C-alpha atoms as a PDB file:
ATOM      1  CA  MET A   1     -20.865 -31.244  27.138  1.00  0.00           C
ATOM      2  CA  SER A   2     -17.413 -31.847  28.179  1.00  0.00           C
ATOM      3  CA  GLY A   3     -14.508 -29.316  28.010  1.00  0.00           C
ATOM      4  CA  ALA A   4     -12.440 -31.449  25.515  1.00  0.00           C
ATOM      5  CA  PRO A   5     -11.766 -29.827  22.101  1.00  0.00           C
ATOM      6  CA  ARG A   6     -13.887 -30.985  19.498  1.00  0.00           C
ATOM      7  CA  ARG A   7     -12.190 -33.562  17.057  1.00  0.00           C
ATOM      8  CA  SER A   8     -12.678 -33.499  13.228  1.00  0.00           C
ATOM      9  CA  HIS A   9     -13.323 -37.043  11.611  1.00  0.00           C
ATOM     10  CA  TRP A  10     -10.825 -35.830   8.731  1.00  0.00           C
ATOM     11  CA  PRO A  11      -7.155 -36.910   9.221  1.00  0.00           C
ATOM     12  CA  ALA A  12      -4.787 -33.923   9.430  1.00  0.00           C
ATOM     13  CA  GLY A  13      -3.346 -34.284   6.008  1.00  0.00           C
ATOM     14  CA  ALA A  14      -6.623 -34.449   4.138  1.00  0.00           C
ATOM     15  CA  ARG A  15      -7.737 -31.139   6.158  1.00  0.00           C
ATOM     16  CA  VAL A  16      -4.497 -29.499   4.840  1.00  0.00           C
ATOM     17  CA  ALA A  17      -5.163 -30.785   1.207  1.00  0.00           C
ATOM     18  CA  ILE A  18      -8.911 -29.724   1.290  1.00  0.00           C
ATOM     19  CA  MET A  19      -7.807 -26.155   2.605  1.00  0.00           C
ATOM     20  CA  ARG A  20      -5.274 -25.893  -0.078  1.00  0.00           C
ATOM     21  CA  ALA A  21      -7.348 -26.977  -2.757  1.00  0.00           C
ATOM     22  CA  MET A  22     -10.331 -24.173  -1.687  1.00  0.00           C
ATOM     23  CA  ALA A  23      -7.561 -21.705  -1.504  1.00  0.00           C
ATOM     24  CA  GLY A  24      -6.520 -22.434  -4.822  1.00  0.00           C
ATOM     25  CA  GLU A  25     -10.342 -22.220  -6.073  1.00  0.00           C
ATOM     26  CA  LEU A  26     -10.544 -18.691  -4.002  1.00  0.00           C
ATOM     27  CA  ASP A  27      -7.697 -17.314  -5.602  1.00  0.00           C
ATOM     28  CA  ALA A  28      -9.291 -17.174  -8.992  1.00  0.00           C
ATOM     29  CA  PHE A  29     -11.694 -14.827  -7.784  1.00  0.00           C
ATOM     30  CA  LEU A  30      -9.632 -12.671  -5.934  1.00  0.00           C
ATOM     31  CA  ILE A  31      -7.415 -10.586  -8.650  1.00  0.00           C
ATOM     32  CA  SER A  32      -8.880  -7.247  -8.433  1.00  0.00           C
ATOM     33  CA  LEU A  33      -8.731  -5.021 -11.606  1.00  0.00           C
ATOM     34  CA  HIS A  34      -9.188  -1.161 -10.815  1.00  0.00           C
ATOM     35  CA  ALA A  35     -10.339   1.331 -13.367  1.00  0.00           C
ATOM     36  CA  ASP A  36      -8.002   4.088 -13.992  1.00  0.00           C
ATOM     37  CA  ALA A  37      -7.929   7.284 -16.292  1.00  0.00           C
ATOM     38  CA  GLY A  38      -8.585   5.705 -19.720  1.00  0.00           C
ATOM     39  CA  GLY A  39      -7.608   2.114 -18.651  1.00  0.00           C
ATOM     40  CA  VAL A  40      -7.262  -0.695 -16.241  1.00  0.00           C
ATOM     41  CA  LEU A  41      -4.806  -1.281 -13.155  1.00  0.00           C
ATOM     42  CA  LEU A  42      -3.690  -5.113 -13.544  1.00  0.00           C
ATOM     43  CA  PRO A  43      -1.519  -6.413 -10.436  1.00  0.00           C
ATOM     44  CA  VAL A  44       0.937  -9.060 -11.907  1.00  0.00           C
ATOM     45  CA  ARG A  45       3.366 -11.421  -9.881  1.00  0.00           C
ATOM     46  CA  ALA A  46       6.434 -11.979 -12.401  1.00  0.00           C
ATOM     47  CA  GLN A  47       8.514 -14.821 -12.550  1.00  0.00           C
ATOM     48  CA  PRO A  48      11.721 -14.346 -14.298  1.00  0.00           C
ATOM     49  CA  ARG A  49      14.013 -16.880 -15.810  1.00  0.00           C
ATOM     50  CA  ALA A  50      10.774 -19.466 -15.763  1.00  0.00           C
ATOM     51  CA  ARG A  51      10.759 -22.545 -17.330  1.00  0.00           C
ATOM     52  CA  ARG A  52       7.268 -21.791 -19.008  1.00  0.00           C
ATOM     53  CA  GLU A  53       6.613 -18.659 -20.761  1.00  0.00           C
ATOM     54  CA  GLY A  54       3.155 -17.060 -20.391  1.00  0.00           C
ATOM     55  CA  LEU A  55       0.319 -16.808 -18.047  1.00  0.00           C
ATOM     56  CA  LEU A  56       0.919 -19.364 -14.767  1.00  0.00           C
ATOM     57  CA  GLY A  57      -2.442 -18.566 -13.399  1.00  0.00           C
ATOM     58  CA  LEU A  58      -3.793 -16.449 -10.448  1.00  0.00           C
ATOM     59  CA  ARG A  59      -2.359 -16.014  -6.846  1.00  0.00           C
ATOM     60  CA  ALA A  60      -2.812 -13.770  -3.916  1.00  0.00           C
ATOM     61  CA  GLY A  61      -4.849 -11.128  -5.960  1.00  0.00           C
ATOM     62  CA  ALA A  62      -2.358 -11.011  -8.848  1.00  0.00           C
ATOM     63  CA  LEU A  63      -2.123 -12.628 -12.354  1.00  0.00           C
ATOM     64  CA  ARG A  64       1.073 -14.966 -12.297  1.00  0.00           C
ATOM     65  CA  MET A  65       3.259 -14.576 -15.840  1.00  0.00           C
ATOM     66  CA  GLY A  66       6.304 -16.388 -16.291  1.00  0.00           C
ATOM     67  CA  THR A  67       9.284 -15.136 -18.662  1.00  0.00           C
ATOM     68  CA  ASN A  68      12.519 -16.793 -19.828  1.00  0.00           C
ATOM     69  CA  ALA A  69      14.106 -13.283 -19.846  1.00  0.00           C
ATOM     70  CA  PRO A  70      16.533 -12.476 -16.793  1.00  0.00           C
ATOM     71  CA  PRO A  71      15.381  -9.844 -14.488  1.00  0.00           C
ATOM     72  CA  GLU A  72      18.244  -7.471 -15.512  1.00  0.00           C
ATOM     73  CA  ASP A  73      17.837  -3.942 -17.339  1.00  0.00           C
ATOM     74  CA  GLY A  74      14.023  -4.198 -17.317  1.00  0.00           C
ATOM     75  CA  ARG A  75      14.177  -7.051 -19.782  1.00  0.00           C
ATOM     76  CA  ALA A  76      11.627  -9.250 -17.475  1.00  0.00           C
ATOM     77  CA  THR A  77       9.395  -6.462 -17.401  1.00  0.00           C
ATOM     78  CA  ALA A  78       9.126  -5.648 -20.887  1.00  0.00           C
ATOM     79  CA  ARG A  79       8.983  -9.145 -21.975  1.00  0.00           C
ATOM     80  CA  ILE A  80       5.612  -9.368 -19.645  1.00  0.00           C
ATOM     81  CA  GLY A  81       4.626  -6.332 -20.631  1.00  0.00           C
ATOM     82  CA  SER A  82       4.516  -7.316 -24.258  1.00  0.00           C
ATOM     83  CA  MET A  83       3.040 -10.911 -23.416  1.00  0.00           C
ATOM     84  CA  LEU A  84       0.207  -8.865 -21.334  1.00  0.00           C
ATOM     85  CA  ALA A  85      -0.569  -6.990 -24.321  1.00  0.00           C
ATOM     86  CA  ASP A  86      -0.616  -9.983 -26.653  1.00  0.00           C
ATOM     87  CA  THR A  87      -2.921 -11.730 -24.118  1.00  0.00           C
ATOM     88  CA  LEU A  88      -5.375  -8.898 -24.000  1.00  0.00           C
ATOM     89  CA  GLY A  89      -5.560  -7.964 -27.525  1.00  0.00           C
ATOM     90  CA  VAL A  90      -4.293  -4.626 -27.017  1.00  0.00           C
ATOM     91  CA  PRO A  91      -1.149  -2.756 -28.768  1.00  0.00           C
ATOM     92  CA  ARG A  92       2.158  -2.906 -26.890  1.00  0.00           C
ATOM     93  CA  SER A  93       2.192   0.621 -26.302  1.00  0.00           C
ATOM     94  CA  ALA A  94      -1.318   0.381 -24.473  1.00  0.00           C
ATOM     95  CA  VAL A  95       0.510  -1.462 -21.521  1.00  0.00           C
ATOM     96  CA  LEU A  96       2.890   0.539 -18.952  1.00  0.00           C
ATOM     97  CA  CYS A  97       4.453  -0.879 -15.650  1.00  0.00           C
ATOM     98  CA  VAL A  98       3.354   1.942 -13.360  1.00  0.00           C
ATOM     99  CA  VAL A  99       4.751   0.336 -10.015  1.00  0.00           C
ATOM    100  CA  GLY A 100       7.329  -1.938  -9.242  1.00  0.00           C
ATOM    101  CA  PRO A 101       9.573  -2.400 -12.626  1.00  0.00           C
ATOM    102  CA  LYS A 102      12.481  -3.843 -10.606  1.00  0.00           C
ATOM    103  CA  ARG A 103      10.329  -6.318  -8.303  1.00  0.00           C
ATOM    104  CA  ARG A 104       8.414  -9.405  -8.698  1.00  0.00           C
ATOM    105  CA  ASP A 105       5.077  -7.490  -7.668  1.00  0.00           C
ATOM    106  CA  LYS A 106       3.978  -5.154 -10.552  1.00  0.00           C
ATOM    107  CA  LEU A 107       1.188  -3.092 -11.254  1.00  0.00           C
ATOM    108  CA  PHE A 108       0.090  -2.511 -14.919  1.00  0.00           C
ATOM    109  CA  ARG A 109      -1.817  -0.056 -16.610  1.00  0.00           C
ATOM    110  CA  VAL A 110      -3.461  -1.194 -19.727  1.00  0.00           C
ATOM    111  CA  ALA A 111      -5.162   1.693 -21.516  1.00  0.00           C
ATOM    112  CA  GLY A 112      -8.067   1.077 -23.790  1.00  0.00           C
ATOM    113  CA  LEU A 113      -9.924  -1.570 -21.330  1.00  0.00           C
ATOM    114  CA  THR A 114     -12.532  -1.449 -18.682  1.00  0.00           C
ATOM    115  CA  PRO A 115     -12.021  -3.726 -15.815  1.00  0.00           C
ATOM    116  CA  ALA A 116     -15.022  -5.790 -17.145  1.00  0.00           C
ATOM    117  CA  GLN A 117     -13.313  -6.423 -20.419  1.00  0.00           C
ATOM    118  CA  ALA A 118      -9.976  -7.201 -19.045  1.00  0.00           C
ATOM    119  CA  GLY A 119     -11.628  -9.708 -16.739  1.00  0.00           C
ATOM    120  CA  SER A 120     -13.164 -11.425 -19.720  1.00  0.00           C
ATOM    121  CA  ARG A 121     -10.330 -11.578 -21.888  1.00  0.00           C
ATOM    122  CA  LEU A 122      -8.158 -12.953 -18.813  1.00  0.00           C
ATOM    123  CA  ARG A 123     -10.605 -15.457 -18.103  1.00  0.00           C
ATOM    124  CA  GLU A 124     -10.769 -16.827 -21.791  1.00  0.00           C
ATOM    125  CA  ALA A 125      -6.862 -16.724 -21.553  1.00  0.00           C
ATOM    126  CA  LEU A 126      -6.831 -18.934 -18.458  1.00  0.00           C
ATOM    127  CA  GLY A 127      -9.316 -21.151 -19.949  1.00  0.00           C
END
């Protein structure tokens, strides 16, 4: 064997596209739902002033949610919390933002659900 690096038969652009597609598939399985006292902790990546409201998918271990509300005075966080409650089928009072109320990356506590229940409801909502 020579010391030359091994070349792939895939063109560079195709390799990048395949890696991105694989990363997109893997992201769907990387969301982390943790049990908490009487509920579940759900990481959310917020997109205020989005064109579309609702679930936008999964990315980097968090649920992506968009809202038309501006990120001022907690309006976007409140709207995302109410959409999350509607999606999971729990009362709005059961959803509380415990980390990052003024940041894009948030952590919501959803009372009354186990991680398995929350996961199945999210899977159903995402289709």
